[in-house]
């Protein structure tokens, strides 16, 4: 199953429409459709984080790295471990992009 297929399946499982998800993530509905249908293969880590949060799941699940749909229990160590696992799998450019996004979030 692709990332887009996991996004669609999880969205439908939760009863969330494409429009609802697009509103939550603050992107256009056609972008969600393009992700789900595999027309857009690359998405930024920032968008992936927002989609995972909106779908109450993890990036690891959406990427196919793990089968568990539900996010970690919220334990600080578990969240940090998941973050670091995801971070270490990124390219240098992706790490810079994710770091910039974290800086942006921490300033809000």
PDB file of N, CA and C in Angstrom:
ATOM      1  N   UNK A   1       0.848  -1.174   0.000  1.00  0.00           N
ATOM      2  CA  UNK A   1       0.000   0.000   0.000  1.00  0.00           C
ATOM      3  C   UNK A   1       0.897   1.241   0.000  1.00  0.00           C
ATOM      4  N   UNK A   2       0.558   2.228  -0.818  1.00  0.00           N
ATOM      5  CA  UNK A   2       1.345   3.460  -0.898  1.00  0.00           C
ATOM      6  C   UNK A   2       0.936   4.427   0.215  1.00  0.00           C
ATOM      7  N   UNK A   3       1.724   5.475   0.380  1.00  0.00           N
ATOM      8  CA  UNK A   3       1.395   6.510   1.361  1.00  0.00           C
ATOM      9  C   UNK A   3       0.035   7.114   1.043  1.00  0.00           C
ATOM     10  N   UNK A   4      -0.202   7.426  -0.216  1.00  0.00           N
ATOM     11  CA  UNK A   4      -1.487   8.002  -0.624  1.00  0.00           C
ATOM     12  C   UNK A   4      -2.651   7.068  -0.318  1.00  0.00           C
ATOM     13  N   UNK A   5      -2.460   5.792  -0.566  1.00  0.00           N
ATOM     14  CA  UNK A   5      -3.511   4.813  -0.274  1.00  0.00           C
ATOM     15  C   UNK A   5      -3.770   4.714   1.228  1.00  0.00           C
ATOM     16  N   UNK A   6      -2.707   4.822   2.030  1.00  0.00           N
ATOM     17  CA  UNK A   6      -2.880   4.807   3.487  1.00  0.00           C
ATOM     18  C   UNK A   6      -3.627   6.051   3.949  1.00  0.00           C
ATOM     19  N   UNK A   7      -3.302   7.202   3.351  1.00  0.00           N
ATOM     20  CA  UNK A   7      -4.003   8.445   3.706  1.00  0.00           C
ATOM     21  C   UNK A   7      -5.498   8.282   3.409  1.00  0.00           C
ATOM     22  N   UNK A   8      -5.825   7.806   2.204  1.00  0.00           N
ATOM     23  CA  UNK A   8      -7.230   7.639   1.822  1.00  0.00           C
ATOM     24  C   UNK A   8      -7.933   6.641   2.746  1.00  0.00           C
ATOM     25  N   UNK A   9      -7.291   5.509   2.992  1.00  0.00           N
ATOM     26  CA  UNK A   9      -7.917   4.476   3.825  1.00  0.00           C
ATOM     27  C   UNK A   9      -8.173   5.005   5.238  1.00  0.00           C
ATOM     28  N   UNK A  10      -7.195   5.679   5.808  1.00  0.00           N
ATOM     29  CA  UNK A  10      -7.347   6.206   7.168  1.00  0.00           C
ATOM     30  C   UNK A  10      -8.422   7.295   7.203  1.00  0.00           C
ATOM     31  N   UNK A  11      -8.426   8.157   6.198  1.00  0.00           N
ATOM     32  CA  UNK A  11      -9.424   9.230   6.117  1.00  0.00           C
ATOM     33  C   UNK A  11     -10.831   8.628   6.073  1.00  0.00           C
ATOM     34  N   UNK A  12     -11.021   7.623   5.225  1.00  0.00           N
ATOM     35  CA  UNK A  12     -12.334   6.980   5.109  1.00  0.00           C
ATOM     36  C   UNK A  12     -12.699   6.223   6.381  1.00  0.00           C
ATOM     37  N   UNK A  13     -11.713   5.585   6.995  1.00  0.00           N
ATOM     38  CA  UNK A  13     -11.944   4.859   8.247  1.00  0.00           C
ATOM     39  C   UNK A  13     -12.485   5.790   9.323  1.00  0.00           C
ATOM     40  N   UNK A  14     -11.993   7.032   9.328  1.00  0.00           N
ATOM     41  CA  UNK A  14     -12.415   8.012  10.329  1.00  0.00           C
ATOM     42  C   UNK A  14     -13.646   8.808   9.890  1.00  0.00           C
ATOM     43  N   UNK A  15     -14.101   8.595   8.650  1.00  0.00           N
ATOM     44  CA  UNK A  15     -15.270   9.315   8.153  1.00  0.00           C
ATOM     45  C   UNK A  15     -14.987  10.767   7.828  1.00  0.00           C
ATOM     46  N   UNK A  16     -13.752  11.058   7.447  1.00  0.00           N
ATOM     47  CA  UNK A  16     -13.346  12.423   7.121  1.00  0.00           C
ATOM     48  C   UNK A  16     -13.388  12.596   5.607  1.00  0.00           C
ATOM     49  N   UNK A  17     -14.011  13.660   5.146  1.00  0.00           N
ATOM     50  CA  UNK A  17     -14.057  13.924   3.711  1.00  0.00           C
ATOM     51  C   UNK A  17     -12.752  14.567   3.251  1.00  0.00           C
ATOM     52  N   UNK A  18     -12.555  14.562   1.945  1.00  0.00           N
ATOM     53  CA  UNK A  18     -11.377  15.227   1.378  1.00  0.00           C
ATOM     54  C   UNK A  18     -11.389  16.705   1.766  1.00  0.00           C
ATOM     55  N   UNK A  19     -12.558  17.325   1.688  1.00  0.00           N
ATOM     56  CA  UNK A  19     -12.663  18.746   2.042  1.00  0.00           C
ATOM     57  C   UNK A  19     -12.312  18.993   3.504  1.00  0.00           C
ATOM     58  N   UNK A  20     -12.784  18.121   4.400  1.00  0.00           N
ATOM     59  CA  UNK A  20     -12.453  18.265   5.828  1.00  0.00           C
ATOM     60  C   UNK A  20     -10.958  18.156   6.066  1.00  0.00           C
ATOM     61  N   UNK A  21     -10.340  17.162   5.439  1.00  0.00           N
ATOM     62  CA  UNK A  21      -8.901  16.974   5.612  1.00  0.00           C
ATOM     63  C   UNK A  21      -8.135  18.164   5.047  1.00  0.00           C
ATOM     64  N   UNK A  22      -8.542  18.626   3.883  1.00  0.00           N
ATOM     65  CA  UNK A  22      -7.878  19.790   3.275  1.00  0.00           C
ATOM     66  C   UNK A  22      -7.992  21.011   4.183  1.00  0.00           C
ATOM     67  N   UNK A  23      -9.156  21.216   4.797  1.00  0.00           N
ATOM     68  CA  UNK A  23      -9.338  22.333   5.720  1.00  0.00           C
ATOM     69  C   UNK A  23      -8.438  22.210   6.944  1.00  0.00           C
ATOM     70  N   UNK A  24      -8.340  21.003   7.484  1.00  0.00           N
ATOM     71  CA  UNK A  24      -7.508  20.777   8.673  1.00  0.00           C
ATOM     72  C   UNK A  24      -6.029  21.018   8.371  1.00  0.00           C
ATOM     73  N   UNK A  25      -5.597  20.617   7.186  1.00  0.00           N
ATOM     74  CA  UNK A  25      -4.183  20.696   6.825  1.00  0.00           C
ATOM     75  C   UNK A  25      -3.843  22.036   6.170  1.00  0.00           C
ATOM     76  N   UNK A  26      -4.888  22.768   5.768  1.00  0.00           N
ATOM     77  CA  UNK A  26      -4.725  24.090   5.138  1.00  0.00           C
ATOM     78  C   UNK A  26      -4.070  23.993   3.761  1.00  0.00           C
ATOM     79  N   UNK A  27      -4.495  22.981   2.998  1.00  0.00           N
ATOM     80  CA  UNK A  27      -4.074  22.880   1.606  1.00  0.00           C
ATOM     81  C   UNK A  27      -5.315  22.640   0.751  1.00  0.00           C
ATOM     82  N   UNK A  28      -5.186  22.806  -0.546  1.00  0.00           N
ATOM     83  CA  UNK A  28      -6.327  22.663  -1.438  1.00  0.00           C
ATOM     84  C   UNK A  28      -6.753  21.203  -1.540  1.00  0.00           C
ATOM     85  N   UNK A  29      -8.038  20.980  -1.702  1.00  0.00           N
ATOM     86  CA  UNK A  29      -8.588  19.621  -1.770  1.00  0.00           C
ATOM     87  C   UNK A  29      -7.985  18.818  -2.910  1.00  0.00           C
ATOM     88  N   UNK A  30      -7.670  19.482  -4.024  1.00  0.00           N
ATOM     89  CA  UNK A  30      -7.082  18.737  -5.146  1.00  0.00           C
ATOM     90  C   UNK A  30      -5.693  18.217  -4.800  1.00  0.00           C
ATOM     91  N   UNK A  31      -5.004  18.893  -3.903  1.00  0.00           N
ATOM     92  CA  UNK A  31      -3.691  18.412  -3.468  1.00  0.00           C
ATOM     93  C   UNK A  31      -3.851  17.109  -2.693  1.00  0.00           C
ATOM     94  N   UNK A  32      -4.857  17.048  -1.829  1.00  0.00           N
ATOM     95  CA  UNK A  32      -5.142  15.809  -1.092  1.00  0.00           C
ATOM     96  C   UNK A  32      -5.468  14.692  -2.084  1.00  0.00           C
ATOM     97  N   UNK A  33      -6.296  14.994  -3.050  1.00  0.00           N
ATOM     98  CA  UNK A  33      -6.680  14.002  -4.056  1.00  0.00           C
ATOM     99  C   UNK A  33      -5.455  13.517  -4.827  1.00  0.00           C
ATOM    100  N   UNK A  34      -4.566  14.444  -5.172  1.00  0.00           N
ATOM    101  CA  UNK A  34      -3.346  14.073  -5.902  1.00  0.00           C
ATOM    102  C   UNK A  34      -2.451  13.173  -5.044  1.00  0.00           C
ATOM    103  N   UNK A  35      -2.343  13.463  -3.742  1.00  0.00           N
ATOM    104  CA  UNK A  35      -1.571  12.590  -2.852  1.00  0.00           C
ATOM    105  C   UNK A  35      -2.194  11.198  -2.799  1.00  0.00           C
ATOM    106  N   UNK A  36      -3.504  11.158  -2.580  1.00  0.00           N
ATOM    107  CA  UNK A  36      -4.185   9.877  -2.433  1.00  0.00           C
ATOM    108  C   UNK A  36      -4.111   9.018  -3.696  1.00  0.00           C
ATOM    109  N   UNK A  37      -4.169   9.660  -4.855  1.00  0.00           N
ATOM    110  CA  UNK A  37      -4.149   8.923  -6.122  1.00  0.00           C
ATOM    111  C   UNK A  37      -2.742   8.663  -6.647  1.00  0.00           C
ATOM    112  N   UNK A  38      -1.732   9.160  -5.942  1.00  0.00           N
ATOM    113  CA  UNK A  38      -0.355   8.909  -6.336  1.00  0.00           C
ATOM    114  C   UNK A  38       0.166   9.804  -7.445  1.00  0.00           C
ATOM    115  N   UNK A  39      -0.593  10.866  -7.783  1.00  0.00           N
ATOM    116  CA  UNK A  39      -0.129  11.786  -8.826  1.00  0.00           C
ATOM    117  C   UNK A  39       1.009  12.668  -8.321  1.00  0.00           C
ATOM    118  N   UNK A  40       1.026  12.926  -7.022  1.00  0.00           N
ATOM    119  CA  UNK A  40       2.106  13.682  -6.402  1.00  0.00           C
ATOM    120  C   UNK A  40       2.823  12.714  -5.474  1.00  0.00           C
ATOM    121  N   UNK A  41       4.024  12.335  -5.846  1.00  0.00           N
ATOM    122  CA  UNK A  41       4.764  11.322  -5.091  1.00  0.00           C
ATOM    123  C   UNK A  41       5.478  11.907  -3.871  1.00  0.00           C
ATOM    124  N   UNK A  42       5.955  13.140  -3.995  1.00  0.00           N
ATOM    125  CA  UNK A  42       6.710  13.747  -2.902  1.00  0.00           C
ATOM    126  C   UNK A  42       5.852  14.775  -2.185  1.00  0.00           C
ATOM    127  N   UNK A  43       5.853  14.683  -0.863  1.00  0.00           N
ATOM    128  CA  UNK A  43       5.204  15.715  -0.068  1.00  0.00           C
ATOM    129  C   UNK A  43       6.177  16.124   1.026  1.00  0.00           C
ATOM    130  N   UNK A  44       6.078  17.368   1.421  1.00  0.00           N
ATOM    131  CA  UNK A  44       7.011  17.853   2.431  1.00  0.00           C
ATOM    132  C   UNK A  44       6.735  17.176   3.768  1.00  0.00           C
ATOM    133  N   UNK A  45       7.745  17.114   4.590  1.00  0.00           N
ATOM    134  CA  UNK A  45       7.593  16.525   5.919  1.00  0.00           C
ATOM    135  C   UNK A  45       6.572  17.320   6.726  1.00  0.00           C
ATOM    136  N   UNK A  46       6.538  18.636   6.504  1.00  0.00           N
ATOM    137  CA  UNK A  46       5.570  19.471   7.216  1.00  0.00           C
ATOM    138  C   UNK A  46       4.141  19.077   6.901  1.00  0.00           C
ATOM    139  N   UNK A  47       3.848  18.847   5.626  1.00  0.00           N
ATOM    140  CA  UNK A  47       2.503  18.435   5.224  1.00  0.00           C
ATOM    141  C   UNK A  47       2.203  17.040   5.763  1.00  0.00           C
ATOM    142  N   UNK A  48       3.181  16.160   5.690  1.00  0.00           N
ATOM    143  CA  UNK A  48       2.984  14.804   6.194  1.00  0.00           C
ATOM    144  C   UNK A  48       2.677  14.813   7.694  1.00  0.00           C
ATOM    145  N   UNK A  49       3.356  15.658   8.435  1.00  0.00           N
ATOM    146  CA  UNK A  49       3.095  15.786   9.880  1.00  0.00           C
ATOM    147  C   UNK A  49       1.656  16.253  10.102  1.00  0.00           C
ATOM    148  N   UNK A  50       1.231  17.259   9.355  1.00  0.00           N
ATOM    149  CA  UNK A  50      -0.124  17.794   9.514  1.00  0.00           C
ATOM    150  C   UNK A  50      -1.188  16.755   9.143  1.00  0.00           C
ATOM    151  N   UNK A  51      -0.952  16.008   8.071  1.00  0.00           N
ATOM    152  CA  UNK A  51      -1.905  14.974   7.659  1.00  0.00           C
ATOM    153  C   UNK A  51      -1.976  13.873   8.717  1.00  0.00           C
ATOM    154  N   UNK A  52      -0.826  13.433   9.206  1.00  0.00           N
ATOM    155  CA  UNK A  52      -0.811  12.393  10.239  1.00  0.00           C
ATOM    156  C   UNK A  52      -1.573  12.862  11.477  1.00  0.00           C
ATOM    157  N   UNK A  53      -1.344  14.100  11.875  1.00  0.00           N
ATOM    158  CA  UNK A  53      -2.036  14.647  13.045  1.00  0.00           C
ATOM    159  C   UNK A  53      -3.546  14.704  12.801  1.00  0.00           C
ATOM    160  N   UNK A  54      -3.939  15.193  11.633  1.00  0.00           N
ATOM    161  CA  UNK A  54      -5.365  15.314  11.304  1.00  0.00           C
ATOM    162  C   UNK A  54      -6.050  13.951  11.256  1.00  0.00           C
ATOM    163  N   UNK A  55      -5.298  12.919  10.887  1.00  0.00           N
ATOM    164  CA  UNK A  55      -5.851  11.568  10.786  1.00  0.00           C
ATOM    165  C   UNK A  55      -5.602  10.731  12.038  1.00  0.00           C
ATOM    166  N   UNK A  56      -5.098  11.392  13.093  1.00  0.00           N
ATOM    167  CA  UNK A  56      -4.837  10.726  14.370  1.00  0.00           C
ATOM    168  C   UNK A  56      -4.008   9.455  14.180  1.00  0.00           C
ATOM    169  N   UNK A  57      -2.913   9.617  13.459  1.00  0.00           N
ATOM    170  CA  UNK A  57      -2.011   8.495  13.215  1.00  0.00           C
ATOM    171  C   UNK A  57      -0.581   9.007  13.218  1.00  0.00           C
ATOM    172  N   UNK A  58       0.337   8.165  12.836  1.00  0.00           N
ATOM    173  CA  UNK A  58       1.750   8.541  12.831  1.00  0.00           C
ATOM    174  C   UNK A  58       2.275   8.652  11.401  1.00  0.00           C
ATOM    175  N   UNK A  59       3.354   9.385  11.258  1.00  0.00           N
ATOM    176  CA  UNK A  59       4.048   9.462   9.971  1.00  0.00           C
ATOM    177  C   UNK A  59       4.535   8.070   9.597  1.00  0.00           C
ATOM    178  N   UNK A  60       5.018   7.333  10.572  1.00  0.00           N
ATOM    179  CA  UNK A  60       5.535   5.988  10.322  1.00  0.00           C
ATOM    180  C   UNK A  60       4.458   5.094   9.715  1.00  0.00           C
ATOM    181  N   UNK A  61       3.226   5.210  10.189  1.00  0.00           N
ATOM    182  CA  UNK A  61       2.148   4.414   9.604  1.00  0.00           C
ATOM    183  C   UNK A  61       1.872   4.860   8.166  1.00  0.00           C
ATOM    184  N   UNK A  62       1.749   6.164   7.957  1.00  0.00           N
ATOM    185  CA  UNK A  62       1.439   6.658   6.614  1.00  0.00           C
ATOM    186  C   UNK A  62       2.530   6.289   5.609  1.00  0.00           C
ATOM    187  N   UNK A  63       3.775   6.236   6.061  1.00  0.00           N
ATOM    188  CA  UNK A  63       4.882   5.895   5.177  1.00  0.00           C
ATOM    189  C   UNK A  63       5.031   4.380   4.995  1.00  0.00           C
ATOM    190  N   UNK A  64       4.337   3.605   5.810  1.00  0.00           N
ATOM    191  CA  UNK A  64       4.432   2.151   5.696  1.00  0.00           C
ATOM    192  C   UNK A  64       5.571   1.559   6.498  1.00  0.00           C
ATOM    193  N   UNK A  65       6.138   2.326   7.410  1.00  0.00           N
ATOM    194  CA  UNK A  65       7.248   1.847   8.220  1.00  0.00           C
ATOM    195  C   UNK A  65       6.764   0.989   9.381  1.00  0.00           C
ATOM    196  N   UNK A  66       5.517   1.187   9.795  1.00  0.00           N
ATOM    197  CA  UNK A  66       4.947   0.386  10.875  1.00  0.00           C
ATOM    198  C   UNK A  66       3.467   0.184  10.608  1.00  0.00           C
ATOM    199  N   UNK A  67       2.919  -0.869  11.175  1.00  0.00           N
ATOM    200  CA  UNK A  67       1.526  -1.210  10.934  1.00  0.00           C
ATOM    201  C   UNK A  67       0.548  -0.573  11.893  1.00  0.00           C
ATOM    202  N   UNK A  68       1.035  -0.019  12.989  1.00  0.00           N
ATOM    203  CA  UNK A  68       0.169   0.572  14.007  1.00  0.00           C
ATOM    204  C   UNK A  68      -0.385   1.900  13.517  1.00  0.00           C
ATOM    205  N   UNK A  69      -1.713   2.039  13.523  1.00  0.00           N
ATOM    206  CA  UNK A  69      -2.365   3.257  13.027  1.00  0.00           C
ATOM    207  C   UNK A  69      -2.387   4.370  14.063  1.00  0.00           C
ATOM    208  N   UNK A  70      -2.548   4.004  15.316  1.00  0.00           N
ATOM    209  CA  UNK A  70      -2.710   5.012  16.357  1.00  0.00           C
ATOM    210  C   UNK A  70      -1.370   5.614  16.745  1.00  0.00           C
ATOM    211  N   UNK A  71      -1.375   6.908  17.077  1.00  0.00           N
ATOM    212  CA  UNK A  71      -0.127   7.535  17.519  1.00  0.00           C
ATOM    213  C   UNK A  71       0.316   6.995  18.866  1.00  0.00           C
ATOM    214  N   UNK A  72       1.544   7.298  19.197  1.00  0.00           N
ATOM    215  CA  UNK A  72       2.076   6.912  20.499  1.00  0.00           C
ATOM    216  C   UNK A  72       1.187   7.475  21.595  1.00  0.00           C
ATOM    217  N   UNK A  73       1.239   6.884  22.750  1.00  0.00           N
ATOM    218  CA  UNK A  73       0.350   7.244  23.851  1.00  0.00           C
ATOM    219  C   UNK A  73       0.514   8.684  24.310  1.00  0.00           C
ATOM    220  N   UNK A  74       1.525   9.342  23.842  1.00  0.00           N
ATOM    221  CA  UNK A  74       1.761  10.703  24.284  1.00  0.00           C
ATOM    222  C   UNK A  74       2.917  10.797  25.251  1.00  0.00           C
ATOM    223  N   UNK A  75       3.450   9.661  25.641  1.00  0.00           N
ATOM    224  CA  UNK A  75       4.612   9.640  26.511  1.00  0.00           C
ATOM    225  C   UNK A  75       5.736  10.400  25.815  1.00  0.00           C
ATOM    226  N   UNK A  76       6.354  11.323  26.526  1.00  0.00           N
ATOM    227  CA  UNK A  76       7.386  12.176  25.942  1.00  0.00           C
ATOM    228  C   UNK A  76       8.503  11.358  25.298  1.00  0.00           C
ATOM    229  N   UNK A  77       8.968  10.317  25.971  1.00  0.00           N
ATOM    230  CA  UNK A  77      10.048   9.496  25.423  1.00  0.00           C
ATOM    231  C   UNK A  77       9.624   8.806  24.133  1.00  0.00           C
ATOM    232  N   UNK A  78       8.392   8.298  24.089  1.00  0.00           N
ATOM    233  CA  UNK A  78       7.903   7.633  22.888  1.00  0.00           C
ATOM    234  C   UNK A  78       7.811   8.611  21.722  1.00  0.00           C
ATOM    235  N   UNK A  79       7.310   9.812  21.986  1.00  0.00           N
ATOM    236  CA  UNK A  79       7.187  10.823  20.935  1.00  0.00           C
ATOM    237  C   UNK A  79       8.563  11.244  20.418  1.00  0.00           C
ATOM    238  N   UNK A  80       9.494  11.446  21.330  1.00  0.00           N
ATOM    239  CA  UNK A  80      10.849  11.828  20.924  1.00  0.00           C
ATOM    240  C   UNK A  80      11.522  10.708  20.136  1.00  0.00           C
ATOM    241  N   UNK A  81      11.310   9.474  20.560  1.00  0.00           N
ATOM    242  CA  UNK A  81      11.895   8.342  19.828  1.00  0.00           C
ATOM    243  C   UNK A  81      11.336   8.255  18.421  1.00  0.00           C
ATOM    244  N   UNK A  82      10.022   8.433  18.279  1.00  0.00           N
ATOM    245  CA  UNK A  82       9.417   8.391  16.945  1.00  0.00           C
ATOM    246  C   UNK A  82       9.948   9.537  16.084  1.00  0.00           C
ATOM    247  N   UNK A  83      10.032  10.716  16.684  1.00  0.00           N
ATOM    248  CA  UNK A  83      10.551  11.867  15.955  1.00  0.00           C
ATOM    249  C   UNK A  83      11.973  11.600  15.463  1.00  0.00           C
ATOM    250  N   UNK A  84      12.816  11.113  16.348  1.00  0.00           N
ATOM    251  CA  UNK A  84      14.203  10.872  15.971  1.00  0.00           C
ATOM    252  C   UNK A  84      14.330   9.762  14.935  1.00  0.00           C
ATOM    253  N   UNK A  85      13.498   8.730  15.039  1.00  0.00           N
ATOM    254  CA  UNK A  85      13.513   7.656  14.046  1.00  0.00           C
ATOM    255  C   UNK A  85      13.171   8.221  12.664  1.00  0.00           C
ATOM    256  N   UNK A  86      12.164   9.047  12.612  1.00  0.00           N
ATOM    257  CA  UNK A  86      11.773   9.662  11.341  1.00  0.00           C
ATOM    258  C   UNK A  86      12.867  10.609  10.859  1.00  0.00           C
ATOM    259  N   UNK A  87      13.400  11.419  11.761  1.00  0.00           N
ATOM    260  CA  UNK A  87      14.413  12.414  11.405  1.00  0.00           C
ATOM    261  C   UNK A  87      15.656  11.749  10.818  1.00  0.00           C
ATOM    262  N   UNK A  88      16.095  10.658  11.418  1.00  0.00           N
ATOM    263  CA  UNK A  88      17.314   9.979  10.951  1.00  0.00           C
ATOM    264  C   UNK A  88      17.156   9.366   9.565  1.00  0.00           C
ATOM    265  N   UNK A  89      15.923   9.111   9.156  1.00  0.00           N
ATOM    266  CA  UNK A  89      15.701   8.509   7.836  1.00  0.00           C
ATOM    267  C   UNK A  89      15.694   9.540   6.709  1.00  0.00           C
ATOM    268  N   UNK A  90      15.776  10.823   7.051  1.00  0.00           N
ATOM    269  CA  UNK A  90      15.696  11.885   6.050  1.00  0.00           C
ATOM    270  C   UNK A  90      17.052  12.189   5.420  1.00  0.00           C
ATOM    271  N   UNK A  91      16.988  12.763   4.225  1.00  0.00           N
ATOM    272  CA  UNK A  91      18.208  13.266   3.586  1.00  0.00           C
ATOM    273  C   UNK A  91      18.618  14.560   4.294  1.00  0.00           C
ATOM    274  N   UNK A  92      19.804  15.049   4.001  1.00  0.00           N
ATOM    275  CA  UNK A  92      20.275  16.286   4.631  1.00  0.00           C
ATOM    276  C   UNK A  92      19.333  17.452   4.314  1.00  0.00           C
ATOM    277  N   UNK A  93      18.893  17.541   3.064  1.00  0.00           N
ATOM    278  CA  UNK A  93      17.979  18.615   2.665  1.00  0.00           C
ATOM    279  C   UNK A  93      16.644  18.501   3.414  1.00  0.00           C
ATOM    280  N   UNK A  94      16.140  17.278   3.554  1.00  0.00           N
ATOM    281  CA  UNK A  94      14.884  17.066   4.273  1.00  0.00           C
ATOM    282  C   UNK A  94      15.039  17.387   5.757  1.00  0.00           C
ATOM    283  N   UNK A  95      16.200  17.079   6.310  1.00  0.00           N
ATOM    284  CA  UNK A  95      16.449  17.422   7.711  1.00  0.00           C
ATOM    285  C   UNK A  95      16.424  18.930   7.906  1.00  0.00           C
ATOM    286  N   UNK A  96      17.013  19.659   6.975  1.00  0.00           N
ATOM    287  CA  UNK A  96      16.996  21.125   7.061  1.00  0.00           C
ATOM    288  C   UNK A  96      15.565  21.653   6.950  1.00  0.00           C
ATOM    289  N   UNK A  97      14.795  21.079   6.030  1.00  0.00           N
ATOM    290  CA  UNK A  97      13.403  21.491   5.858  1.00  0.00           C
ATOM    291  C   UNK A  97      12.595  21.219   7.124  1.00  0.00           C
ATOM    292  N   UNK A  98      12.799  20.044   7.721  1.00  0.00           N
ATOM    293  CA  UNK A  98      12.054  19.712   8.939  1.00  0.00           C
ATOM    294  C   UNK A  98      12.494  20.591  10.110  1.00  0.00           C
ATOM    295  N   UNK A  99      13.772  20.892  10.188  1.00  0.00           N
ATOM    296  CA  UNK A  99      14.265  21.777  11.243  1.00  0.00           C
ATOM    297  C   UNK A  99      13.659  23.175  11.098  1.00  0.00           C
ATOM    298  N   UNK A 100      13.607  23.673   9.877  1.00  0.00           N
ATOM    299  CA  UNK A 100      12.989  24.982   9.639  1.00  0.00           C
ATOM    300  C   UNK A 100      11.511  24.963  10.019  1.00  0.00           C
ATOM    301  N   UNK A 101      10.843  23.857   9.710  1.00  0.00           N
ATOM    302  CA  UNK A 101       9.433  23.744  10.069  1.00  0.00           C
ATOM    303  C   UNK A 101       9.264  23.710  11.587  1.00  0.00           C
ATOM    304  N   UNK A 102      10.119  22.993  12.287  1.00  0.00           N
ATOM    305  CA  UNK A 102      10.057  22.962  13.756  1.00  0.00           C
ATOM    306  C   UNK A 102      10.301  24.343  14.344  1.00  0.00           C
ATOM    307  N   UNK A 103      11.234  25.066  13.777  1.00  0.00           N
ATOM    308  CA  UNK A 103      11.471  26.442  14.240  1.00  0.00           C
ATOM    309  C   UNK A 103      10.226  27.301  14.059  1.00  0.00           C
ATOM    310  N   UNK A 104       9.586  27.138  12.899  1.00  0.00           N
ATOM    311  CA  UNK A 104       8.360  27.864  12.615  1.00  0.00           C
ATOM    312  C   UNK A 104       7.282  27.520  13.649  1.00  0.00           C
ATOM    313  N   UNK A 105       7.097  26.223  13.921  1.00  0.00           N
ATOM    314  CA  UNK A 105       6.086  25.798  14.890  1.00  0.00           C
ATOM    315  C   UNK A 105       6.382  26.308  16.294  1.00  0.00           C
ATOM    316  N   UNK A 106       7.639  26.301  16.677  1.00  0.00           N
ATOM    317  CA  UNK A 106       7.994  26.716  18.037  1.00  0.00           C
ATOM    318  C   UNK A 106       7.817  28.220  18.241  1.00  0.00           C
ATOM    319  N   UNK A 107       7.784  28.964  17.147  1.00  0.00           N
ATOM    320  CA  UNK A 107       7.575  30.418  17.250  1.00  0.00           C
ATOM    321  C   UNK A 107       6.102  30.790  17.349  1.00  0.00           C
ATOM    322  N   UNK A 108       5.224  29.851  17.050  1.00  0.00           N
ATOM    323  CA  UNK A 108       3.762  30.132  17.084  1.00  0.00           C
ATOM    324  C   UNK A 108       3.284  30.283  18.497  1.00  0.00           C
TER     325      UNK A 108
END
